[in-house]
C-alpha atoms as a PDB file:
ATOM      1  CA  MET A   1       9.699  47.009  26.646  1.00  0.00           C
ATOM      2  CA  ARG A   2       9.997  43.528  28.247  1.00  0.00           C
ATOM      3  CA  LYS A   3       9.173  41.756  24.892  1.00  0.00           C
ATOM      4  CA  GLU A   4      11.860  44.125  22.983  1.00  0.00           C
ATOM      5  CA  LEU A   5      14.514  43.173  25.553  1.00  0.00           C
ATOM      6  CA  LEU A   6      13.686  39.474  25.381  1.00  0.00           C
ATOM      7  CA  SER A   7      13.607  39.694  21.470  1.00  0.00           C
ATOM      8  CA  ALA A   8      16.995  41.478  21.527  1.00  0.00           C
ATOM      9  CA  LEU A   9      18.408  38.883  23.949  1.00  0.00           C
ATOM     10  CA  THR A  10      17.117  36.016  21.828  1.00  0.00           C
ATOM     11  CA  ILE A  11      18.735  37.420  18.712  1.00  0.00           C
ATOM     12  CA  ARG A  12      22.128  37.889  20.415  1.00  0.00           C
ATOM     13  CA  LEU A  13      22.163  34.401  21.861  1.00  0.00           C
ATOM     14  CA  LEU A  14      20.867  32.516  18.688  1.00  0.00           C
ATOM     15  CA  PRO A  15      24.377  32.063  17.183  1.00  0.00           C
ATOM     16  CA  LEU A  16      25.606  30.612  20.461  1.00  0.00           C
ATOM     17  CA  TRP A  17      22.534  28.297  20.542  1.00  0.00           C
ATOM     18  CA  LEU A  18      23.149  27.166  16.804  1.00  0.00           C
ATOM     19  CA  LEU A  19      26.727  26.419  17.401  1.00  0.00           C
ATOM     20  CA  LEU A  20      26.007  24.463  20.601  1.00  0.00           C
ATOM     21  CA  ILE A  21      23.341  22.493  18.678  1.00  0.00           C
ATOM     22  CA  PHE A  22      25.452  21.725  15.718  1.00  0.00           C
ATOM     23  CA  ALA A  23      28.776  21.242  17.393  1.00  0.00           C
ATOM     24  CA  ALA A  24      27.575  18.985  20.098  1.00  0.00           C
ATOM     25  CA  PRO A  25      27.491  15.905  17.762  1.00  0.00           C
ATOM     26  CA  LEU A  26      31.026  16.409  16.826  1.00  0.00           C
ATOM     27  CA  PHE A  27      32.248  15.713  20.433  1.00  0.00           C
ATOM     28  CA  TRP A  28      29.871  12.636  21.253  1.00  0.00           C
ATOM     29  CA  GLY A  29      32.065  10.079  19.363  1.00  0.00           C
ATOM     30  CA  VAL A  30      35.384  11.615  20.616  1.00  0.00           C
ATOM     31  CA  GLN A  31      35.273   9.206  23.816  1.00  0.00           C
ATOM     32  CA  ASP A  32      34.857   6.240  21.910  1.00  0.00           C
ATOM     33  CA  THR A  33      37.804   6.549  19.634  1.00  0.00           C
ATOM     34  CA  TRP A  34      40.938   4.771  20.453  1.00  0.00           C
ATOM     35  CA  ALA A  35      44.390   6.493  20.513  1.00  0.00           C
ATOM     36  CA  VAL A  36      46.130   6.070  17.200  1.00  0.00           C
ATOM     37  CA  SER A  37      50.142   6.855  17.308  1.00  0.00           C
ATOM     38  CA  ALA A  38      51.506   9.300  14.677  1.00  0.00           C
ATOM     39  CA  PRO A  39      53.852   7.739  12.351  1.00  0.00           C
ATOM     40  CA  THR A  40      57.498   8.429  12.652  1.00  0.00           C
ATOM     41  CA  ILE A  41      60.484   8.980  10.322  1.00  0.00           C
ATOM     42  CA  THR A  42      63.972   8.146  11.498  1.00  0.00           C
ATOM     43  CA  PHE A  43      67.102   9.117   9.575  1.00  0.00           C
ATOM     44  CA  GLY A  44      70.752   7.756  10.238  1.00  0.00           C
ATOM     45  CA  MET A  45      73.881   8.426   8.947  1.00  0.00           C
ATOM     46  CA  GLU A  46      76.719   5.858   8.262  1.00  0.00           C
ATOM     47  CA  ASP A  47      80.458   6.367   7.643  1.00  0.00           C
ATOM     48  CA  ALA A  48      80.918   6.270   3.715  1.00  0.00           C
ATOM     49  CA  SER A  49      82.666   3.144   2.621  1.00  0.00           C
ATOM     50  CA  SER A  50      83.663   4.316  -0.839  1.00  0.00           C
ATOM     51  CA  PRO A  51      84.189   7.400  -2.945  1.00  0.00           C
ATOM     52  CA  GLN A  52      81.017   6.828  -5.043  1.00  0.00           C
ATOM     53  CA  GLN A  53      78.951   7.221  -1.975  1.00  0.00           C
ATOM     54  CA  ILE A  54      80.524  10.595  -1.082  1.00  0.00           C
ATOM     55  CA  SER A  55      80.307  11.505  -4.824  1.00  0.00           C
ATOM     56  CA  GLY A  56      76.576  10.679  -4.770  1.00  0.00           C
ATOM     57  CA  VAL A  57      75.715  12.497  -1.755  1.00  0.00           C
ATOM     58  CA  LEU A  58      77.605  15.706  -3.067  1.00  0.00           C
ATOM     59  CA  GLN A  59      75.645  15.538  -6.349  1.00  0.00           C
ATOM     60  CA  ILE A  60      72.447  15.314  -4.414  1.00  0.00           C
ATOM     61  CA  PHE A  61      73.425  18.447  -2.234  1.00  0.00           C
ATOM     62  CA  ILE A  62      74.291  20.390  -5.375  1.00  0.00           C
ATOM     63  CA  LEU A  63      71.165  19.597  -7.151  1.00  0.00           C
ATOM     64  CA  LEU A  64      69.019  20.671  -4.063  1.00  0.00           C
ATOM     65  CA  THR A  65      70.825  23.894  -3.972  1.00  0.00           C
ATOM     66  CA  VAL A  66      70.501  24.501  -7.696  1.00  0.00           C
ATOM     67  CA  LEU A  67      66.935  23.679  -7.488  1.00  0.00           C
ATOM     68  CA  SER A  68      66.164  25.844  -4.343  1.00  0.00           C
ATOM     69  CA  LEU A  69      68.087  28.792  -6.078  1.00  0.00           C
ATOM     70  CA  ALA A  70      66.274  28.459  -9.501  1.00  0.00           C
ATOM     71  CA  PRO A  71      63.663  31.044 -10.263  1.00  0.00           C
END
């Protein structure tokens, strides 16, 4: 009875032990890494100085609208 209980317990804990054994090396190098900042993107808006700029922006908006609605 004791051997059966030990065998059943070993079988149940086997996946946990395997996970610990194979996942541990993944975390060993974490403490040695440097913090890397994520790249950022900034957008700015300026006043349009000519009608051509307004026309270009409107054409882009219309193109994006048509492309998003096209099947």
